[in-house]
Amino acid sequence: MTVSIPPAPPRLRRFACMMYEGVLLFGVVFLAGYLFDTLTQSRSGLMLRHGRQAFLFLAIGIYFLACWRRGGQTLPMKTWSIRLTDRGGVPLRGPRMLLRYLLLWPLPLITALVIAGLSRATGWASFDLLIVCAPFSIFLWTWIDPQGQFLHDRLLGTALHDLRAAPAP
């Protein structure tokens, strides 16, 4: 008997999930920033800037790893019926979850650098507004990938699954 593995969720549902995730991350970043400012007694966002960025990176990572560890879903992923597993449908554990979190970052950061470079090269400061598009650069690979997965999922052997498409047992 073979186990049927659900396909990748449609891009529009992943996009909606990402928007919802952004709303929740606003709260995570706000609380982590408040905690950082309280502990360090900083009075400006520019004080201890690199320490703040590292602290927020850790706080966001803890949020994702804690959620993925409990069933492979964050609240938005539950809402949109999306689950993170390995390609065989087995829940992720430990190092692969951490590596997935780390591999989420390079493509959006490179896109942000390209946008900043275009802004400087052309002298048009309005190009800086495109920075809001940088996180969505992860979707570019989904048009190339045969299963429509993200690049970081392809590299790690992980996958997002559409639970609505799952067949009844």
Protein backbone atom coordinates (compact mmCIF):
# COMPACT_ATOMS: atom_id res chain seq x y z
CA MET A 1 0.00 0.00 0.00
CA THR A 2 1.44 3.35 -1.02
CA VAL A 3 0.87 6.54 0.87
CA SER A 4 -0.38 9.42 -1.24
CA ILE A 5 1.49 12.65 -0.54
CA PRO A 6 -0.50 15.86 -1.08
CA PRO A 7 0.77 18.30 -3.72
CA ALA A 8 2.23 21.73 -3.03
CA PRO A 9 -0.34 24.37 -2.14
CA PRO A 10 -1.23 26.88 -4.86
CA ARG A 11 0.91 30.02 -4.98
CA LEU A 12 -2.02 32.26 -4.10
CA ARG A 13 -2.67 30.34 -0.86
CA ARG A 14 1.03 30.43 0.01
CA PHE A 15 1.03 34.17 -0.67
CA ALA A 16 -2.02 34.67 1.56
CA CYS A 17 -0.36 32.58 4.26
CA MET A 18 2.77 34.71 3.95
CA MET A 19 0.73 37.92 4.37
CA TYR A 20 -0.93 36.52 7.49
CA GLU A 21 2.49 35.42 8.75
CA GLY A 22 3.71 39.00 8.31
CA VAL A 23 0.93 40.27 10.56
CA LEU A 24 1.90 37.82 13.30
CA LEU A 25 5.60 38.54 12.85
CA PHE A 26 4.88 42.22 13.44
CA GLY A 27 3.85 41.25 16.97
CA VAL A 28 6.85 38.95 17.43
CA VAL A 29 9.25 41.67 16.28
CA PHE A 30 7.51 44.33 18.39
CA LEU A 31 7.72 42.24 21.57
CA ALA A 32 11.29 41.12 20.89
CA GLY A 33 12.32 44.71 20.13
CA TYR A 34 10.68 45.92 23.33
CA LEU A 35 12.46 43.21 25.31
CA PHE A 36 15.79 44.10 23.68
CA ASP A 37 15.33 47.81 24.40
CA THR A 38 14.35 47.10 27.99
CA LEU A 39 17.29 44.80 28.63
CA THR A 40 19.87 47.05 26.95
CA GLN A 41 18.31 50.38 27.99
CA SER A 42 18.67 51.61 24.40
CA ARG A 43 16.67 54.71 23.55
CA SER A 44 17.08 54.69 19.80
CA GLY A 45 16.70 52.13 17.04
CA LEU A 46 20.21 53.03 15.91
CA MET A 47 21.78 52.20 19.27
CA LEU A 48 23.20 48.67 19.24
CA ARG A 49 21.76 48.24 15.75
CA HIS A 50 23.60 45.04 14.85
CA GLY A 51 22.84 43.48 18.22
CA ARG A 52 19.17 44.35 17.73
CA GLN A 53 19.16 42.75 14.27
CA ALA A 54 20.77 39.58 15.61
CA PHE A 55 18.29 39.47 18.50
CA LEU A 56 15.32 39.87 16.14
CA PHE A 57 16.75 37.21 13.80
CA LEU A 58 16.90 34.83 16.76
CA ALA A 59 13.41 35.75 17.97
CA ILE A 60 11.88 35.15 14.53
CA GLY A 61 13.81 31.89 14.26
CA ILE A 62 12.56 30.71 17.64
CA TYR A 63 8.99 31.53 16.56
CA PHE A 64 9.26 29.47 13.37
CA LEU A 65 11.15 26.55 14.88
CA ALA A 66 8.74 26.30 17.81
CA CYS A 67 5.75 26.30 15.46
CA TRP A 68 7.23 23.88 12.94
CA ARG A 69 8.21 21.52 15.74
CA ARG A 70 4.57 21.22 16.80
CA GLY A 71 2.96 19.64 13.76
CA GLY A 72 4.87 21.44 11.00
CA GLN A 73 2.55 24.45 10.98
CA THR A 74 2.43 28.03 12.15
CA LEU A 75 -1.00 29.56 12.87
CA PRO A 76 -1.28 30.98 9.31
CA MET A 77 -0.25 27.59 7.89
CA LYS A 78 -3.03 25.96 9.92
CA THR A 79 -5.50 28.55 8.69
CA TRP A 80 -4.55 27.98 5.05
CA SER A 81 -4.21 24.17 5.43
CA ILE A 82 -0.50 24.01 4.63
CA ARG A 83 1.95 21.67 6.37
CA LEU A 84 5.74 21.48 6.30
CA THR A 85 7.25 17.99 6.12
CA ASP A 86 10.04 16.21 4.32
CA ARG A 87 9.26 15.02 0.77
CA GLY A 88 7.96 11.73 2.12
CA GLY A 89 5.41 13.41 4.38
CA VAL A 90 7.37 12.82 7.60
CA PRO A 91 7.45 15.75 10.10
CA LEU A 92 10.75 17.63 10.30
CA ARG A 93 13.05 17.52 13.29
CA GLY A 94 16.02 19.52 14.61
CA PRO A 95 18.77 20.52 12.22
CA ARG A 96 16.65 20.46 9.04
CA MET A 97 14.18 22.94 10.53
CA LEU A 98 17.03 25.24 11.53
CA LEU A 99 18.67 24.93 8.12
CA ARG A 100 15.34 25.67 6.43
CA TYR A 101 14.99 28.84 8.48
CA LEU A 102 18.51 29.92 7.56
CA LEU A 103 17.98 29.16 3.85
CA LEU A 104 14.83 31.28 3.77
CA TRP A 105 16.93 34.44 4.01
CA PRO A 106 19.51 34.58 1.18
CA LEU A 107 17.20 35.10 -1.81
CA PRO A 108 15.18 37.97 -0.28
CA LEU A 109 18.38 39.59 1.02
CA ILE A 110 20.05 39.37 -2.40
CA THR A 111 16.92 40.85 -3.98
CA ALA A 112 17.02 43.71 -1.45
CA LEU A 113 20.68 44.36 -2.33
CA VAL A 114 19.84 44.43 -6.05
CA ILE A 115 17.03 46.91 -5.40
CA ALA A 116 19.36 49.11 -3.32
CA GLY A 117 21.99 48.88 -6.06
CA LEU A 118 19.47 49.93 -8.72
CA SER A 119 18.43 52.86 -6.58
CA ARG A 120 22.02 54.03 -6.15
CA ALA A 121 23.03 53.35 -9.77
CA THR A 122 20.10 55.24 -11.27
CA GLY A 123 19.91 57.95 -8.64
CA TRP A 124 16.16 57.32 -8.38
CA ALA A 125 15.39 57.01 -4.70
CA SER A 126 11.90 55.81 -5.61
CA PHE A 127 13.42 52.40 -6.46
CA ASP A 128 13.83 51.93 -2.71
CA LEU A 129 10.06 51.45 -2.48
CA LEU A 130 10.46 48.12 -4.27
CA ILE A 131 12.11 46.75 -1.13
CA VAL A 132 8.66 45.54 -0.04
CA CYS A 133 8.80 43.06 -2.96
CA ALA A 134 12.04 41.41 -1.78
CA PRO A 135 10.41 38.77 0.49
CA PHE A 136 8.31 37.57 -2.43
CA SER A 137 11.36 36.76 -4.51
CA ILE A 138 11.21 33.27 -2.99
CA PHE A 139 8.22 32.62 -5.26
CA LEU A 140 10.31 32.96 -8.45
CA TRP A 141 11.68 29.43 -8.10
CA THR A 142 8.18 27.94 -7.82
CA TRP A 143 7.61 28.56 -11.53
CA ILE A 144 10.75 26.55 -12.39
CA ASP A 145 10.39 23.71 -9.88
CA PRO A 146 8.45 20.69 -11.22
CA GLN A 147 6.44 20.33 -7.97
CA GLY A 148 6.11 24.10 -7.43
CA GLN A 149 8.21 24.04 -4.24
CA PHE A 150 10.43 26.85 -2.97
CA LEU A 151 14.17 26.71 -3.68
CA HIS A 152 15.09 26.23 -0.02
CA ASP A 153 12.66 23.31 0.19
CA ARG A 154 14.11 21.75 -2.96
CA LEU A 155 17.65 22.05 -1.58
CA LEU A 156 16.75 20.55 1.80
CA GLY A 157 14.38 17.81 0.70
CA THR A 158 11.50 19.45 2.54
CA ALA A 159 8.11 20.36 1.12
CA LEU A 160 4.96 22.33 1.80
CA HIS A 161 1.83 20.22 1.36
CA ASP A 162 -1.72 21.26 0.57
CA LEU A 163 -3.85 19.56 3.23
CA ARG A 164 -7.05 20.40 1.38
CA ALA A 165 -5.90 18.19 -1.49
CA ALA A 166 -5.14 15.26 0.82
CA PRO A 167 -7.21 12.19 -0.03
CA ALA A 168 -9.48 10.74 2.63
CA PRO A 169 -7.98 7.65 4.36
